[in-house]
Amino acid sequence: MTKRLLILSIYLLLTSSCSNTSIRKTDSNLAIEDFSMTHFKNNGDKLYAISSPKSIFIKDVQIYKLDKTEIFFYEENKVNYIINSTKSSLLNNNDFKLEGDVKLNDLYDKDNTITANKAFWNINKFEFTLVGDVVLNNKSVNLVSSKAVFNKKLNIIKFFKPVKYRYLNKSSTIKYKVRADNAYYDLEKKTFRFESKNKRIKSKINF
């Protein structure tokens, strides 16, 4: 198989824009240096881009194994969120699994970060699921949860039980601690909403 046919095969598999600076075949697998994939909206605007210094395509199971991974989400052709991980896998050309030091960076507020052990994302959907030791940090807030779902279309993150919230603003004399079943964080308005099934939220306020 010629290099041109190999590149064409990768393009058809990903059904998006890809650029690969170095491709080589190892046994039945395909190693790709400087993996890059960009997906565009119908109007030509960028929707997201995925990059990794190295990827291996396992032909038998149709899985891409990526090293250090970066995913860039765009709004009006400007990056608004970046998600990093130590490694990742792309299954069936749709389902992404990120593992190891997963971190979401909010470029609207660079102090706003969310970390987790793992993350899952179907590239055809707007939702991004973070699992295991999920922590939101910024200048004023520390929130810990077992799971979170980031809806990029709504710019809202839902944190699942158990949720522990602390207000850390050093300039304020009031400090809040909240425990709830779920919490909703609006990334644009920078506001929190808490809820519990029994409609009672355990909270602690120190003056």
C-alpha atoms as a PDB file:
ATOM      1  CA  MET A   1       0.000   0.000   0.000  1.00  0.00           C
ATOM      2  CA  THR A   2       1.450   3.383  -1.027  1.00  0.00           C
ATOM      3  CA  LYS A   3       1.799   6.342   1.288  1.00  0.00           C
ATOM      4  CA  ARG A   4      -0.935   8.152  -0.674  1.00  0.00           C
ATOM      5  CA  LEU A   5      -3.396   5.286  -0.127  1.00  0.00           C
ATOM      6  CA  LEU A   6      -2.538   5.159   3.571  1.00  0.00           C
ATOM      7  CA  ILE A   7      -3.295   8.857   3.983  1.00  0.00           C
ATOM      8  CA  LEU A   8      -6.541   8.460   2.039  1.00  0.00           C
ATOM      9  CA  SER A   9      -7.594   5.557   4.282  1.00  0.00           C
ATOM     10  CA  ILE A  10      -7.027   7.639   7.414  1.00  0.00           C
ATOM     11  CA  TYR A  11      -9.071  10.480   5.949  1.00  0.00           C
ATOM     12  CA  LEU A  12     -11.999   8.185   5.196  1.00  0.00           C
ATOM     13  CA  LEU A  13     -11.871   6.666   8.683  1.00  0.00           C
ATOM     14  CA  LEU A  14     -11.917   9.986  10.499  1.00  0.00           C
ATOM     15  CA  THR A  15     -14.354  11.769   8.137  1.00  0.00           C
ATOM     16  CA  SER A  16     -12.753  15.035   9.105  1.00  0.00           C
ATOM     17  CA  SER A  17      -9.706  17.151   8.388  1.00  0.00           C
ATOM     18  CA  CYS A  18      -6.443  15.461   9.339  1.00  0.00           C
ATOM     19  CA  SER A  19      -2.760  16.267   8.887  1.00  0.00           C
ATOM     20  CA  ASN A  20       0.011  13.772   9.588  1.00  0.00           C
ATOM     21  CA  THR A  21       3.664  14.640   9.200  1.00  0.00           C
ATOM     22  CA  SER A  22       4.982  11.082   9.484  1.00  0.00           C
ATOM     23  CA  ILE A  23       3.264   7.738   8.917  1.00  0.00           C
ATOM     24  CA  ARG A  24       4.782   4.265   9.147  1.00  0.00           C
ATOM     25  CA  LYS A  25       3.373   0.749   9.257  1.00  0.00           C
ATOM     26  CA  THR A  26       4.326  -1.559  12.141  1.00  0.00           C
ATOM     27  CA  ASP A  27       3.042  -5.126  11.643  1.00  0.00           C
ATOM     28  CA  SER A  28      -0.739  -4.748  11.243  1.00  0.00           C
ATOM     29  CA  ASN A  29      -0.760  -1.384  13.050  1.00  0.00           C
ATOM     30  CA  LEU A  30      -0.131   2.122  11.785  1.00  0.00           C
ATOM     31  CA  ALA A  31       1.994   4.622  13.728  1.00  0.00           C
ATOM     32  CA  ILE A  32       1.283   8.313  13.132  1.00  0.00           C
ATOM     33  CA  GLU A  33       3.645  11.042  14.299  1.00  0.00           C
ATOM     34  CA  ASP A  34       2.165  14.470  15.093  1.00  0.00           C
ATOM     35  CA  PHE A  35      -1.439  13.306  14.950  1.00  0.00           C
ATOM     36  CA  SER A  36      -3.853  16.137  14.190  1.00  0.00           C
ATOM     37  CA  MET A  37      -7.584  16.127  13.473  1.00  0.00           C
ATOM     38  CA  THR A  38      -9.865  19.139  13.008  1.00  0.00           C
ATOM     39  CA  HIS A  39     -13.646  19.109  12.589  1.00  0.00           C
ATOM     40  CA  PHE A  40     -15.518  21.984  10.987  1.00  0.00           C
ATOM     41  CA  LYS A  41     -19.103  23.213  11.085  1.00  0.00           C
ATOM     42  CA  ASN A  42     -21.144  23.403   7.893  1.00  0.00           C
ATOM     43  CA  ASN A  43     -20.338  27.119   7.628  1.00  0.00           C
ATOM     44  CA  GLY A  44     -16.599  26.404   7.738  1.00  0.00           C
ATOM     45  CA  ASP A  45     -15.977  27.489  11.342  1.00  0.00           C
ATOM     46  CA  LYS A  46     -13.832  25.231  13.503  1.00  0.00           C
ATOM     47  CA  LEU A  47     -15.756  23.079  15.981  1.00  0.00           C
ATOM     48  CA  TYR A  48     -12.926  21.176  17.683  1.00  0.00           C
ATOM     49  CA  ALA A  49      -9.376  19.988  17.082  1.00  0.00           C
ATOM     50  CA  ILE A  50      -7.463  17.015  18.512  1.00  0.00           C
ATOM     51  CA  SER A  51      -3.687  16.718  18.604  1.00  0.00           C
ATOM     52  CA  SER A  52      -1.105  14.271  19.950  1.00  0.00           C
ATOM     53  CA  PRO A  53       2.648  13.843  19.348  1.00  0.00           C
ATOM     54  CA  LYS A  54       2.114  10.155  18.555  1.00  0.00           C
ATOM     55  CA  SER A  55      -0.743   7.816  17.696  1.00  0.00           C
ATOM     56  CA  ILE A  56      -1.024   4.133  16.847  1.00  0.00           C
ATOM     57  CA  PHE A  57      -3.957   2.826  14.845  1.00  0.00           C
ATOM     58  CA  ILE A  58      -4.739  -0.778  15.831  1.00  0.00           C
ATOM     59  CA  LYS A  59      -6.289  -2.073  12.654  1.00  0.00           C
ATOM     60  CA  ASP A  60      -7.816  -5.289  14.038  1.00  0.00           C
ATOM     61  CA  VAL A  61     -10.019  -3.481  16.564  1.00  0.00           C
ATOM     62  CA  GLN A  62     -10.240  -0.104  14.778  1.00  0.00           C
ATOM     63  CA  ILE A  63      -8.870   1.885  17.726  1.00  0.00           C
ATOM     64  CA  TYR A  64      -6.491   4.842  17.792  1.00  0.00           C
ATOM     65  CA  LYS A  65      -4.181   4.970  20.814  1.00  0.00           C
ATOM     66  CA  LEU A  66      -2.855   8.484  21.405  1.00  0.00           C
ATOM     67  CA  ASP A  67      -0.078   9.677  23.681  1.00  0.00           C
ATOM     68  CA  LYS A  68      -0.369  13.059  25.419  1.00  0.00           C
ATOM     69  CA  THR A  69      -3.631  14.465  24.082  1.00  0.00           C
ATOM     70  CA  GLU A  70      -5.029  17.976  23.667  1.00  0.00           C
ATOM     71  CA  ILE A  71      -8.581  18.762  22.581  1.00  0.00           C
ATOM     72  CA  PHE A  72      -9.428  22.329  21.590  1.00  0.00           C
ATOM     73  CA  PHE A  73     -13.054  23.486  21.533  1.00  0.00           C
ATOM     74  CA  TYR A  74     -13.867  26.537  19.419  1.00  0.00           C
ATOM     75  CA  GLU A  75     -16.498  29.250  19.453  1.00  0.00           C
ATOM     76  CA  GLU A  76     -16.516  31.597  16.443  1.00  0.00           C
ATOM     77  CA  ASN A  77     -13.100  30.196  15.437  1.00  0.00           C
ATOM     78  CA  LYS A  78     -11.591  31.087  18.824  1.00  0.00           C
ATOM     79  CA  VAL A  79     -10.491  28.471  21.361  1.00  0.00           C
ATOM     80  CA  ASN A  80     -12.642  28.699  24.483  1.00  0.00           C
ATOM     81  CA  TYR A  81     -11.838  25.375  26.216  1.00  0.00           C
ATOM     82  CA  ILE A  82      -8.836  23.043  26.197  1.00  0.00           C
ATOM     83  CA  ILE A  83      -8.839  19.512  27.612  1.00  0.00           C
ATOM     84  CA  ASN A  84      -5.567  17.674  28.259  1.00  0.00           C
ATOM     85  CA  SER A  85      -4.747  14.109  29.278  1.00  0.00           C
ATOM     86  CA  THR A  86      -1.732  11.817  29.544  1.00  0.00           C
ATOM     87  CA  LYS A  87      -3.181   9.408  26.977  1.00  0.00           C
ATOM     88  CA  SER A  88      -6.401   8.685  25.119  1.00  0.00           C
ATOM     89  CA  SER A  89      -8.205   6.230  22.853  1.00  0.00           C
ATOM     90  CA  LEU A  90     -10.503   6.875  19.898  1.00  0.00           C
ATOM     91  CA  LEU A  91     -12.980   4.047  19.304  1.00  0.00           C
ATOM     92  CA  ASN A  92     -15.203   3.622  16.269  1.00  0.00           C
ATOM     93  CA  ASN A  93     -14.132   7.090  15.107  1.00  0.00           C
ATOM     94  CA  ASN A  94     -16.662   8.566  17.552  1.00  0.00           C
ATOM     95  CA  ASP A  95     -15.956   7.694  21.187  1.00  0.00           C
ATOM     96  CA  PHE A  96     -13.045   9.267  23.002  1.00  0.00           C
ATOM     97  CA  LYS A  97     -11.657   8.006  26.306  1.00  0.00           C
ATOM     98  CA  LEU A  98      -9.063  10.183  28.072  1.00  0.00           C
ATOM     99  CA  GLU A  99      -7.004   8.879  30.982  1.00  0.00           C
ATOM    100  CA  GLY A 100      -4.433  10.272  33.395  1.00  0.00           C
ATOM    101  CA  ASP A 101      -4.279  13.852  34.675  1.00  0.00           C
ATOM    102  CA  VAL A 102      -7.351  14.954  32.761  1.00  0.00           C
ATOM    103  CA  LYS A 103      -7.652  18.735  32.950  1.00  0.00           C
ATOM    104  CA  LEU A 104     -10.187  21.160  31.481  1.00  0.00           C
ATOM    105  CA  ASN A 105      -9.020  24.752  31.087  1.00  0.00           C
ATOM    106  CA  ASP A 106     -11.553  27.553  30.695  1.00  0.00           C
ATOM    107  CA  LEU A 107      -9.937  30.223  28.523  1.00  0.00           C
ATOM    108  CA  TYR A 108     -12.667  32.718  29.425  1.00  0.00           C
ATOM    109  CA  ASP A 109     -11.317  32.513  32.982  1.00  0.00           C
ATOM    110  CA  LYS A 110      -7.803  31.052  33.095  1.00  0.00           C
ATOM    111  CA  ASP A 111      -8.049  30.483  36.848  1.00  0.00           C
ATOM    112  CA  ASN A 112     -10.988  28.166  36.227  1.00  0.00           C
ATOM    113  CA  THR A 113      -9.851  24.528  35.928  1.00  0.00           C
ATOM    114  CA  ILE A 114     -11.434  21.104  36.378  1.00  0.00           C
ATOM    115  CA  THR A 115      -9.391  17.940  36.927  1.00  0.00           C
ATOM    116  CA  ALA A 116     -10.408  14.275  36.900  1.00  0.00           C
ATOM    117  CA  ASN A 117      -9.008  10.775  36.526  1.00  0.00           C
ATOM    118  CA  LYS A 118     -10.845   9.954  33.304  1.00  0.00           C
ATOM    119  CA  ALA A 119     -13.097  11.551  30.724  1.00  0.00           C
ATOM    120  CA  PHE A 120     -15.433  10.241  28.028  1.00  0.00           C
ATOM    121  CA  TRP A 121     -16.699  12.064  24.961  1.00  0.00           C
ATOM    122  CA  ASN A 122     -18.728  11.137  21.910  1.00  0.00           C
ATOM    123  CA  ILE A 123     -17.489  13.569  19.264  1.00  0.00           C
ATOM    124  CA  ASN A 124     -20.972  13.827  17.728  1.00  0.00           C
ATOM    125  CA  LYS A 125     -22.445  15.120  20.990  1.00  0.00           C
ATOM    126  CA  PHE A 126     -22.033  18.245  23.087  1.00  0.00           C
ATOM    127  CA  GLU A 127     -21.566  16.439  26.425  1.00  0.00           C
ATOM    128  CA  PHE A 128     -18.211  15.605  27.988  1.00  0.00           C
ATOM    129  CA  THR A 129     -18.208  13.283  31.043  1.00  0.00           C
ATOM    130  CA  LEU A 130     -15.500  13.491  33.722  1.00  0.00           C
ATOM    131  CA  VAL A 131     -15.151  10.643  36.230  1.00  0.00           C
ATOM    132  CA  GLY A 132     -13.153  10.032  39.411  1.00  0.00           C
ATOM    133  CA  ASP A 133     -11.871  12.677  41.840  1.00  0.00           C
ATOM    134  CA  VAL A 134     -13.451  15.536  39.926  1.00  0.00           C
ATOM    135  CA  VAL A 135     -12.231  18.871  41.310  1.00  0.00           C
ATOM    136  CA  LEU A 136     -13.184  22.396  40.248  1.00  0.00           C
ATOM    137  CA  ASN A 137     -10.821  25.154  41.330  1.00  0.00           C
ATOM    138  CA  ASN A 138     -10.658  28.897  40.795  1.00  0.00           C
ATOM    139  CA  LYS A 139      -9.799  31.931  42.917  1.00  0.00           C
ATOM    140  CA  SER A 140     -13.006  31.689  44.949  1.00  0.00           C
ATOM    141  CA  VAL A 141     -14.256  28.116  44.751  1.00  0.00           C
ATOM    142  CA  ASN A 142     -13.148  24.575  45.507  1.00  0.00           C
ATOM    143  CA  LEU A 143     -15.683  21.894  44.556  1.00  0.00           C
ATOM    144  CA  VAL A 144     -15.179  18.125  44.805  1.00  0.00           C
ATOM    145  CA  SER A 145     -17.422  15.547  43.149  1.00  0.00           C
ATOM    146  CA  SER A 146     -17.414  11.929  41.969  1.00  0.00           C
ATOM    147  CA  LYS A 147     -18.602  12.747  38.452  1.00  0.00           C
ATOM    148  CA  ALA A 148     -19.356  15.735  36.242  1.00  0.00           C
ATOM    149  CA  VAL A 149     -20.956  16.282  32.840  1.00  0.00           C
ATOM    150  CA  PHE A 150     -19.877  19.303  30.817  1.00  0.00           C
ATOM    151  CA  ASN A 151     -22.478  20.462  28.297  1.00  0.00           C
ATOM    152  CA  LYS A 152     -20.517  22.604  25.888  1.00  0.00           C
ATOM    153  CA  LYS A 153     -23.615  23.838  24.054  1.00  0.00           C
ATOM    154  CA  LEU A 154     -25.106  25.264  27.261  1.00  0.00           C
ATOM    155  CA  ASN A 155     -21.725  26.004  28.932  1.00  0.00           C
ATOM    156  CA  ILE A 156     -23.013  24.326  32.092  1.00  0.00           C
ATOM    157  CA  ILE A 157     -21.312  21.647  34.185  1.00  0.00           C
ATOM    158  CA  LYS A 158     -23.406  19.304  36.326  1.00  0.00           C
ATOM    159  CA  PHE A 159     -21.631  17.766  39.315  1.00  0.00           C
ATOM    160  CA  PHE A 160     -23.031  14.535  40.760  1.00  0.00           C
ATOM    161  CA  LYS A 161     -23.360  13.242  44.310  1.00  0.00           C
ATOM    162  CA  PRO A 162     -21.539  13.578  46.554  1.00  0.00           C
ATOM    163  CA  VAL A 163     -20.814  17.270  46.047  1.00  0.00           C
ATOM    164  CA  LYS A 164     -18.672  19.256  48.478  1.00  0.00           C
ATOM    165  CA  TYR A 165     -18.300  22.998  47.942  1.00  0.00           C
ATOM    166  CA  ARG A 166     -16.118  25.580  49.665  1.00  0.00           C
ATOM    167  CA  TYR A 167     -16.058  29.336  49.111  1.00  0.00           C
ATOM    168  CA  LEU A 168     -12.427  30.506  49.276  1.00  0.00           C
ATOM    169  CA  ASN A 169     -12.507  34.236  48.575  1.00  0.00           C
ATOM    170  CA  LYS A 170      -9.915  35.645  50.980  1.00  0.00           C
ATOM    171  CA  SER A 171     -11.261  39.171  50.655  1.00  0.00           C
ATOM    172  CA  SER A 172     -14.575  38.113  52.219  1.00  0.00           C
ATOM    173  CA  THR A 173     -15.207  37.519  55.916  1.00  0.00           C
ATOM    174  CA  ILE A 174     -17.972  35.025  55.055  1.00  0.00           C
ATOM    175  CA  LYS A 175     -16.992  31.449  54.214  1.00  0.00           C
ATOM    176  CA  TYR A 176     -19.416  28.856  52.895  1.00  0.00           C
ATOM    177  CA  LYS A 177     -19.391  25.061  52.976  1.00  0.00           C
ATOM    178  CA  VAL A 178     -22.140  23.180  51.151  1.00  0.00           C
ATOM    179  CA  ARG A 179     -22.977  19.503  50.720  1.00  0.00           C
ATOM    180  CA  ALA A 180     -25.582  18.551  48.119  1.00  0.00           C
ATOM    181  CA  ASP A 181     -26.644  15.758  45.789  1.00  0.00           C
ATOM    182  CA  ASN A 182     -25.958  17.773  42.647  1.00  0.00           C
ATOM    183  CA  ALA A 183     -24.518  21.127  41.663  1.00  0.00           C
ATOM    184  CA  TYR A 184     -24.758  23.138  38.450  1.00  0.00           C
ATOM    185  CA  TYR A 185     -22.056  25.590  37.424  1.00  0.00           C
ATOM    186  CA  ASP A 186     -22.784  28.137  34.692  1.00  0.00           C
ATOM    187  CA  LEU A 187     -19.430  28.896  33.067  1.00  0.00           C
ATOM    188  CA  GLU A 188     -20.632  32.121  31.463  1.00  0.00           C
ATOM    189  CA  LYS A 189     -22.469  33.623  34.434  1.00  0.00           C
ATOM    190  CA  LYS A 190     -20.023  32.124  36.985  1.00  0.00           C
ATOM    191  CA  THR A 191     -22.908  31.032  39.212  1.00  0.00           C
ATOM    192  CA  PHE A 192     -23.660  27.850  41.196  1.00  0.00           C
ATOM    193  CA  ARG A 193     -26.985  26.150  41.855  1.00  0.00           C
ATOM    194  CA  PHE A 194     -27.313  23.280  44.324  1.00  0.00           C
ATOM    195  CA  GLU A 195     -30.041  20.670  44.619  1.00  0.00           C
ATOM    196  CA  SER A 196     -30.879  17.594  46.686  1.00  0.00           C
ATOM    197  CA  LYS A 197     -33.594  14.980  46.193  1.00  0.00           C
ATOM    198  CA  ASN A 198     -35.076  15.620  49.622  1.00  0.00           C
ATOM    199  CA  LYS A 199     -34.950  19.391  48.947  1.00  0.00           C
ATOM    200  CA  ARG A 200     -32.706  19.868  51.954  1.00  0.00           C
ATOM    201  CA  ILE A 201     -29.105  20.947  51.423  1.00  0.00           C
ATOM    202  CA  LYS A 202     -26.581  20.566  54.224  1.00  0.00           C
ATOM    203  CA  SER A 203     -24.634  23.783  54.543  1.00  0.00           C
ATOM    204  CA  LYS A 204     -22.297  25.495  56.921  1.00  0.00           C
ATOM    205  CA  ILE A 205     -21.640  29.242  57.041  1.00  0.00           C
ATOM    206  CA  ASN A 206     -18.853  30.720  59.159  1.00  0.00           C
ATOM    207  CA  PHE A 207     -18.903  34.472  59.911  1.00  0.00           C
END
